[in-house]
Amino acid sequence: MSLQSQAPLAFEFRRYLSNPSCPRCGNHLVAAEASEFLSDGHIRHSWACESCGHDFQTAVTLTEGAELPSPA
């Protein structure tokens, strides 16, 4: 038996497409230092924390026909 979870679409949108917090100090980051469109809908964002200097990357995969939630 596998563990499965469900979450509202708006939560998933924020989880994958919103700005992250620094994994080292937790500071909320506003804008990526750089973004790259790779291929087949893959996008890589490079981040640098202003508080502690930690550099990291996040990745997003967009699928064709995906719908974003409408603002409430």
PDB file of N, CA and C in Angstrom:
ATOM      1  N   MET A   1       0.846  -1.175   0.000  1.00  0.00           N
ATOM      2  CA  MET A   1       0.000   0.000   0.000  1.00  0.00           C
ATOM      3  C   MET A   1       0.892   1.241   0.000  1.00  0.00           C
ATOM      4  N   SER A   2       0.615   2.184  -0.892  1.00  0.00           N
ATOM      5  CA  SER A   2       1.433   3.388  -0.969  1.00  0.00           C
ATOM      6  C   SER A   2       0.710   4.568  -0.333  1.00  0.00           C
ATOM      7  N   LEU A   3       1.498   5.460   0.235  1.00  0.00           N
ATOM      8  CA  LEU A   3       0.960   6.654   0.849  1.00  0.00           C
ATOM      9  C   LEU A   3       0.620   7.673  -0.234  1.00  0.00           C
ATOM     10  N   GLN A   4      -0.580   8.192  -0.203  1.00  0.00           N
ATOM     11  CA  GLN A   4      -1.000   9.201  -1.170  1.00  0.00           C
ATOM     12  C   GLN A   4      -1.617  10.360  -0.414  1.00  0.00           C
ATOM     13  N   SER A   5      -1.441  11.541  -0.952  1.00  0.00           N
ATOM     14  CA  SER A   5      -2.043  12.711  -0.319  1.00  0.00           C
ATOM     15  C   SER A   5      -2.743  13.540  -1.382  1.00  0.00           C
ATOM     16  N   GLN A   6      -3.689  14.311  -0.944  1.00  0.00           N
ATOM     17  CA  GLN A   6      -4.405  15.213  -1.833  1.00  0.00           C
ATOM     18  C   GLN A   6      -4.319  16.614  -1.254  1.00  0.00           C
ATOM     19  N   ALA A   7      -4.219  17.586  -2.140  1.00  0.00           N
ATOM     20  CA  ALA A   7      -4.181  18.980  -1.718  1.00  0.00           C
ATOM     21  C   ALA A   7      -4.933  19.802  -2.751  1.00  0.00           C
ATOM     22  N   PRO A   8      -5.528  20.902  -2.322  1.00  0.00           N
ATOM     23  CA  PRO A   8      -6.206  21.774  -3.288  1.00  0.00           C
ATOM     24  C   PRO A   8      -5.231  22.262  -4.353  1.00  0.00           C
ATOM     25  N   LEU A   9      -5.738  22.492  -5.555  1.00  0.00           N
ATOM     26  CA  LEU A   9      -4.897  22.920  -6.670  1.00  0.00           C
ATOM     27  C   LEU A   9      -4.152  24.209  -6.341  1.00  0.00           C
ATOM     28  N   ALA A  10      -4.782  25.132  -5.636  1.00  0.00           N
ATOM     29  CA  ALA A  10      -4.122  26.395  -5.288  1.00  0.00           C
ATOM     30  C   ALA A  10      -2.890  26.136  -4.427  1.00  0.00           C
ATOM     31  N   PHE A  11      -2.961  25.147  -3.513  1.00  0.00           N
ATOM     32  CA  PHE A  11      -1.809  24.804  -2.682  1.00  0.00           C
ATOM     33  C   PHE A  11      -0.685  24.266  -3.553  1.00  0.00           C
ATOM     34  N   GLU A  12      -0.990  23.377  -4.477  1.00  0.00           N
ATOM     35  CA  GLU A  12       0.031  22.814  -5.355  1.00  0.00           C
ATOM     36  C   GLU A  12       0.652  23.904  -6.220  1.00  0.00           C
ATOM     37  N   PHE A  13      -0.143  24.853  -6.689  1.00  0.00           N
ATOM     38  CA  PHE A  13       0.372  25.971  -7.481  1.00  0.00           C
ATOM     39  C   PHE A  13       1.411  26.747  -6.684  1.00  0.00           C
ATOM     40  N   ARG A  14       1.069  27.122  -5.447  1.00  0.00           N
ATOM     41  CA  ARG A  14       2.002  27.874  -4.613  1.00  0.00           C
ATOM     42  C   ARG A  14       3.246  27.052  -4.301  1.00  0.00           C
ATOM     43  N   ARG A  15       3.072  25.768  -4.079  1.00  0.00           N
ATOM     44  CA  ARG A  15       4.193  24.907  -3.716  1.00  0.00           C
ATOM     45  C   ARG A  15       5.234  24.839  -4.829  1.00  0.00           C
ATOM     46  N   TYR A  16       4.808  24.743  -6.076  1.00  0.00           N
ATOM     47  CA  TYR A  16       5.745  24.551  -7.171  1.00  0.00           C
ATOM     48  C   TYR A  16       6.116  25.826  -7.917  1.00  0.00           C
ATOM     49  N   LEU A  17       5.297  26.849  -7.887  1.00  0.00           N
ATOM     50  CA  LEU A  17       5.564  28.028  -8.694  1.00  0.00           C
ATOM     51  C   LEU A  17       5.801  29.304  -7.899  1.00  0.00           C
ATOM     52  N   SER A  18       5.657  29.267  -6.601  1.00  0.00           N
ATOM     53  CA  SER A  18       5.884  30.489  -5.833  1.00  0.00           C
ATOM     54  C   SER A  18       7.351  30.592  -5.435  1.00  0.00           C
ATOM     55  N   ASN A  19       7.713  31.713  -4.865  1.00  0.00           N
ATOM     56  CA  ASN A  19       9.091  31.940  -4.451  1.00  0.00           C
ATOM     57  C   ASN A  19       9.408  31.101  -3.218  1.00  0.00           C
ATOM     58  N   PRO A  20      10.579  30.484  -3.199  1.00  0.00           N
ATOM     59  CA  PRO A  20      10.929  29.605  -2.076  1.00  0.00           C
ATOM     60  C   PRO A  20      11.536  30.358  -0.909  1.00  0.00           C
ATOM     61  N   SER A  21      11.753  29.637   0.161  1.00  0.00           N
ATOM     62  CA  SER A  21      12.524  30.120   1.290  1.00  0.00           C
ATOM     63  C   SER A  21      13.885  29.449   1.231  1.00  0.00           C
ATOM     64  N   CYS A  22      14.877  30.097   1.789  1.00  0.00           N
ATOM     65  CA  CYS A  22      16.226  29.541   1.806  1.00  0.00           C
ATOM     66  C   CYS A  22      16.229  28.249   2.623  1.00  0.00           C
ATOM     67  N   PRO A  23      16.776  27.158   2.076  1.00  0.00           N
ATOM     68  CA  PRO A  23      16.807  25.905   2.822  1.00  0.00           C
ATOM     69  C   PRO A  23      17.766  25.945   4.012  1.00  0.00           C
ATOM     70  N   ARG A  24      18.678  26.901   4.050  1.00  0.00           N
ATOM     71  CA  ARG A  24      19.637  26.993   5.159  1.00  0.00           C
ATOM     72  C   ARG A  24      19.092  27.852   6.303  1.00  0.00           C
ATOM     73  N   CYS A  25      18.606  29.072   5.998  1.00  0.00           N
ATOM     74  CA  CYS A  25      18.194  29.981   7.083  1.00  0.00           C
ATOM     75  C   CYS A  25      16.695  30.272   7.119  1.00  0.00           C
ATOM     76  N   GLY A  26      15.954  29.901   6.066  1.00  0.00           N
ATOM     77  CA  GLY A  26      14.509  30.112   6.046  1.00  0.00           C
ATOM     78  C   GLY A  26      14.067  31.478   5.554  1.00  0.00           C
ATOM     79  N   ASN A  27      14.983  32.340   5.156  1.00  0.00           N
ATOM     80  CA  ASN A  27      14.643  33.665   4.643  1.00  0.00           C
ATOM     81  C   ASN A  27      13.807  33.526   3.363  1.00  0.00           C
ATOM     82  N   HIS A  28      12.718  34.299   3.272  1.00  0.00           N
ATOM     83  CA  HIS A  28      11.873  34.261   2.073  1.00  0.00           C
ATOM     84  C   HIS A  28      12.578  35.009   0.938  1.00  0.00           C
ATOM     85  N   LEU A  29      12.691  34.362  -0.224  1.00  0.00           N
ATOM     86  CA  LEU A  29      13.381  34.963  -1.369  1.00  0.00           C
ATOM     87  C   LEU A  29      12.366  35.556  -2.329  1.00  0.00           C
ATOM     88  N   VAL A  30      12.699  36.688  -2.911  1.00  0.00           N
ATOM     89  CA  VAL A  30      11.767  37.422  -3.763  1.00  0.00           C
ATOM     90  C   VAL A  30      11.938  37.090  -5.240  1.00  0.00           C
ATOM     91  N   ALA A  31      13.169  37.073  -5.729  1.00  0.00           N
ATOM     92  CA  ALA A  31      13.397  36.860  -7.158  1.00  0.00           C
ATOM     93  C   ALA A  31      14.617  35.972  -7.375  1.00  0.00           C
ATOM     94  N   ALA A  32      14.534  35.151  -8.396  1.00  0.00           N
ATOM     95  CA  ALA A  32      15.657  34.282  -8.748  1.00  0.00           C
ATOM     96  C   ALA A  32      16.783  35.120  -9.346  1.00  0.00           C
ATOM     97  N   GLU A  33      18.017  34.683  -9.131  1.00  0.00           N
ATOM     98  CA  GLU A  33      19.172  35.341  -9.745  1.00  0.00           C
ATOM     99  C   GLU A  33      19.156  35.123 -11.255  1.00  0.00           C
ATOM    100  N   ALA A  34      18.724  33.929 -11.676  1.00  0.00           N
ATOM    101  CA  ALA A  34      18.669  33.589 -13.099  1.00  0.00           C
ATOM    102  C   ALA A  34      17.638  32.486 -13.302  1.00  0.00           C
ATOM    103  N   SER A  35      17.056  32.452 -14.495  1.00  0.00           N
ATOM    104  CA  SER A  35      16.115  31.388 -14.878  1.00  0.00           C
ATOM    105  C   SER A  35      16.499  30.895 -16.260  1.00  0.00           C
ATOM    106  N   GLU A  36      16.400  29.595 -16.452  1.00  0.00           N
ATOM    107  CA  GLU A  36      16.766  28.958 -17.725  1.00  0.00           C
ATOM    108  C   GLU A  36      15.636  28.077 -18.209  1.00  0.00           C
ATOM    109  N   PHE A  37      15.223  28.237 -19.453  1.00  0.00           N
ATOM    110  CA  PHE A  37      14.298  27.293 -20.070  1.00  0.00           C
ATOM    111  C   PHE A  37      15.158  26.211 -20.714  1.00  0.00           C
ATOM    112  N   LEU A  38      15.040  24.976 -20.245  1.00  0.00           N
ATOM    113  CA  LEU A  38      15.902  23.907 -20.734  1.00  0.00           C
ATOM    114  C   LEU A  38      15.296  23.226 -21.949  1.00  0.00           C
ATOM    115  N   SER A  39      14.338  22.362 -21.779  1.00  0.00           N
ATOM    116  CA  SER A  39      13.667  21.702 -22.895  1.00  0.00           C
ATOM    117  C   SER A  39      12.446  20.973 -22.365  1.00  0.00           C
ATOM    118  N   ASP A  40      11.521  20.689 -23.241  1.00  0.00           N
ATOM    119  CA  ASP A  40      10.310  19.942 -22.878  1.00  0.00           C
ATOM    120  C   ASP A  40       9.613  20.505 -21.643  1.00  0.00           C
ATOM    121  N   GLY A  41       9.616  21.826 -21.518  1.00  0.00           N
ATOM    122  CA  GLY A  41       8.913  22.456 -20.413  1.00  0.00           C
ATOM    123  C   GLY A  41       9.673  22.482 -19.100  1.00  0.00           C
ATOM    124  N   HIS A  42      10.951  22.176 -19.093  1.00  0.00           N
ATOM    125  CA  HIS A  42      11.757  22.217 -17.870  1.00  0.00           C
ATOM    126  C   HIS A  42      12.358  23.616 -17.697  1.00  0.00           C
ATOM    127  N   ILE A  43      12.176  24.176 -16.508  1.00  0.00           N
ATOM    128  CA  ILE A  43      12.713  25.497 -16.189  1.00  0.00           C
ATOM    129  C   ILE A  43      13.515  25.381 -14.902  1.00  0.00           C
ATOM    130  N   ARG A  44      14.718  25.940 -14.906  1.00  0.00           N
ATOM    131  CA  ARG A  44      15.588  25.905 -13.721  1.00  0.00           C
ATOM    132  C   ARG A  44      15.803  27.332 -13.243  1.00  0.00           C
ATOM    133  N   HIS A  45      15.599  27.542 -11.937  1.00  0.00           N
ATOM    134  CA  HIS A  45      15.813  28.841 -11.309  1.00  0.00           C
ATOM    135  C   HIS A  45      17.010  28.745 -10.377  1.00  0.00           C
ATOM    136  N   SER A  46      17.904  29.724 -10.445  1.00  0.00           N
ATOM    137  CA  SER A  46      19.056  29.798  -9.542  1.00  0.00           C
ATOM    138  C   SER A  46      18.800  30.908  -8.521  1.00  0.00           C
ATOM    139  N   TRP A  47      18.976  30.577  -7.245  1.00  0.00           N
ATOM    140  CA  TRP A  47      18.677  31.486  -6.152  1.00  0.00           C
ATOM    141  C   TRP A  47      19.928  31.743  -5.324  1.00  0.00           C
ATOM    142  N   ALA A  48      20.018  32.929  -4.733  1.00  0.00           N
ATOM    143  CA  ALA A  48      21.083  33.271  -3.792  1.00  0.00           C
ATOM    144  C   ALA A  48      20.447  34.024  -2.628  1.00  0.00           C
ATOM    145  N   CYS A  49      20.619  33.500  -1.437  1.00  0.00           N
ATOM    146  CA  CYS A  49      20.039  34.118  -0.246  1.00  0.00           C
ATOM    147  C   CYS A  49      20.857  35.338   0.158  1.00  0.00           C
ATOM    148  N   GLU A  50      20.189  36.467   0.339  1.00  0.00           N
ATOM    149  CA  GLU A  50      20.871  37.692   0.750  1.00  0.00           C
ATOM    150  C   GLU A  50      21.267  37.654   2.225  1.00  0.00           C
ATOM    151  N   SER A  51      20.574  36.847   3.016  1.00  0.00           N
ATOM    152  CA  SER A  51      20.867  36.801   4.450  1.00  0.00           C
ATOM    153  C   SER A  51      22.101  35.975   4.773  1.00  0.00           C
ATOM    154  N   CYS A  52      22.182  34.755   4.198  1.00  0.00           N
ATOM    155  CA  CYS A  52      23.284  33.861   4.571  1.00  0.00           C
ATOM    156  C   CYS A  52      24.217  33.516   3.407  1.00  0.00           C
ATOM    157  N   GLY A  53      23.879  33.936   2.170  1.00  0.00           N
ATOM    158  CA  GLY A  53      24.743  33.689   1.022  1.00  0.00           C
ATOM    159  C   GLY A  53      24.620  32.308   0.402  1.00  0.00           C
ATOM    160  N   HIS A  54      23.680  31.495   0.880  1.00  0.00           N
ATOM    161  CA  HIS A  54      23.510  30.140   0.345  1.00  0.00           C
ATOM    162  C   HIS A  54      22.959  30.188  -1.084  1.00  0.00           C
ATOM    163  N   ASP A  55      23.587  29.452  -2.004  1.00  0.00           N
ATOM    164  CA  ASP A  55      23.126  29.341  -3.393  1.00  0.00           C
ATOM    165  C   ASP A  55      22.458  27.991  -3.589  1.00  0.00           C
ATOM    166  N   PHE A  56      21.329  27.974  -4.307  1.00  0.00           N
ATOM    167  CA  PHE A  56      20.650  26.720  -4.611  1.00  0.00           C
ATOM    168  C   PHE A  56      19.814  26.892  -5.862  1.00  0.00           C
ATOM    169  N   GLN A  57      19.308  25.787  -6.390  1.00  0.00           N
ATOM    170  CA  GLN A  57      18.481  25.813  -7.595  1.00  0.00           C
ATOM    171  C   GLN A  57      17.170  25.086  -7.348  1.00  0.00           C
ATOM    172  N   THR A  58      16.145  25.537  -8.045  1.00  0.00           N
ATOM    173  CA  THR A  58      14.867  24.833  -8.065  1.00  0.00           C
ATOM    174  C   THR A  58      14.524  24.537  -9.517  1.00  0.00           C
ATOM    175  N   ALA A  59      13.683  23.541  -9.731  1.00  0.00           N
ATOM    176  CA  ALA A  59      13.279  23.164 -11.081  1.00  0.00           C
ATOM    177  C   ALA A  59      11.763  23.047 -11.147  1.00  0.00           C
ATOM    178  N   VAL A  60      11.222  23.433 -12.279  1.00  0.00           N
ATOM    179  CA  VAL A  60       9.788  23.348 -12.536  1.00  0.00           C
ATOM    180  C   VAL A  60       9.611  22.660 -13.877  1.00  0.00           C
ATOM    181  N   THR A  61       8.641  21.771 -13.967  1.00  0.00           N
ATOM    182  CA  THR A  61       8.304  21.134 -15.234  1.00  0.00           C
ATOM    183  C   THR A  61       6.871  21.511 -15.576  1.00  0.00           C
ATOM    184  N   LEU A  62       6.700  22.175 -16.701  1.00  0.00           N
ATOM    185  CA  LEU A  62       5.375  22.559 -17.168  1.00  0.00           C
ATOM    186  C   LEU A  62       4.888  21.514 -18.164  1.00  0.00           C
ATOM    187  N   THR A  63       3.642  21.127 -18.027  1.00  0.00           N
ATOM    188  CA  THR A  63       3.079  20.160 -18.960  1.00  0.00           C
ATOM    189  C   THR A  63       2.099  20.857 -19.885  1.00  0.00           C
ATOM    190  N   GLU A  64       2.009  20.371 -21.085  1.00  0.00           N
ATOM    191  CA  GLU A  64       1.108  20.953 -22.080  1.00  0.00           C
ATOM    192  C   GLU A  64      -0.330  20.772 -21.628  1.00  0.00           C
ATOM    193  N   GLY A  65      -1.096  21.833 -21.719  1.00  0.00           N
ATOM    194  CA  GLY A  65      -2.497  21.773 -21.357  1.00  0.00           C
ATOM    195  C   GLY A  65      -2.774  21.915 -19.875  1.00  0.00           C
ATOM    196  N   ALA A  66      -1.724  22.161 -19.077  1.00  0.00           N
ATOM    197  CA  ALA A  66      -1.922  22.353 -17.633  1.00  0.00           C
ATOM    198  C   ALA A  66      -2.661  23.661 -17.400  1.00  0.00           C
ATOM    199  N   GLU A  67      -3.586  23.638 -16.476  1.00  0.00           N
ATOM    200  CA  GLU A  67      -4.371  24.835 -16.164  1.00  0.00           C
ATOM    201  C   GLU A  67      -3.948  25.372 -14.799  1.00  0.00           C
ATOM    202  N   LEU A  68      -3.751  26.681 -14.721  1.00  0.00           N
ATOM    203  CA  LEU A  68      -3.450  27.324 -13.454  1.00  0.00           C
ATOM    204  C   LEU A  68      -4.755  27.688 -12.774  1.00  0.00           C
ATOM    205  N   PRO A  69      -4.761  27.691 -11.453  1.00  0.00           N
ATOM    206  CA  PRO A  69      -5.994  28.055 -10.744  1.00  0.00           C
ATOM    207  C   PRO A  69      -6.331  29.532 -10.969  1.00  0.00           C
ATOM    208  N   SER A  70      -7.600  29.824 -11.033  1.00  0.00           N
ATOM    209  CA  SER A  70      -8.007  31.211 -11.197  1.00  0.00           C
ATOM    210  C   SER A  70      -7.933  31.911  -9.850  1.00  0.00           C
ATOM    211  N   PRO A  71      -7.612  33.210  -9.839  1.00  0.00           N
ATOM    212  CA  PRO A  71      -7.534  33.932  -8.561  1.00  0.00           C
ATOM    213  C   PRO A  71      -8.887  33.978  -7.895  1.00  0.00           C
ATOM    214  N   ALA A  72      -8.889  33.832  -6.601  1.00  0.00           N
ATOM    215  CA  ALA A  72     -10.157  33.818  -5.842  1.00  0.00           C
ATOM    216  C   ALA A  72     -10.534  35.199  -5.377  1.00  0.00           C
TER     217      ALA A  72
END
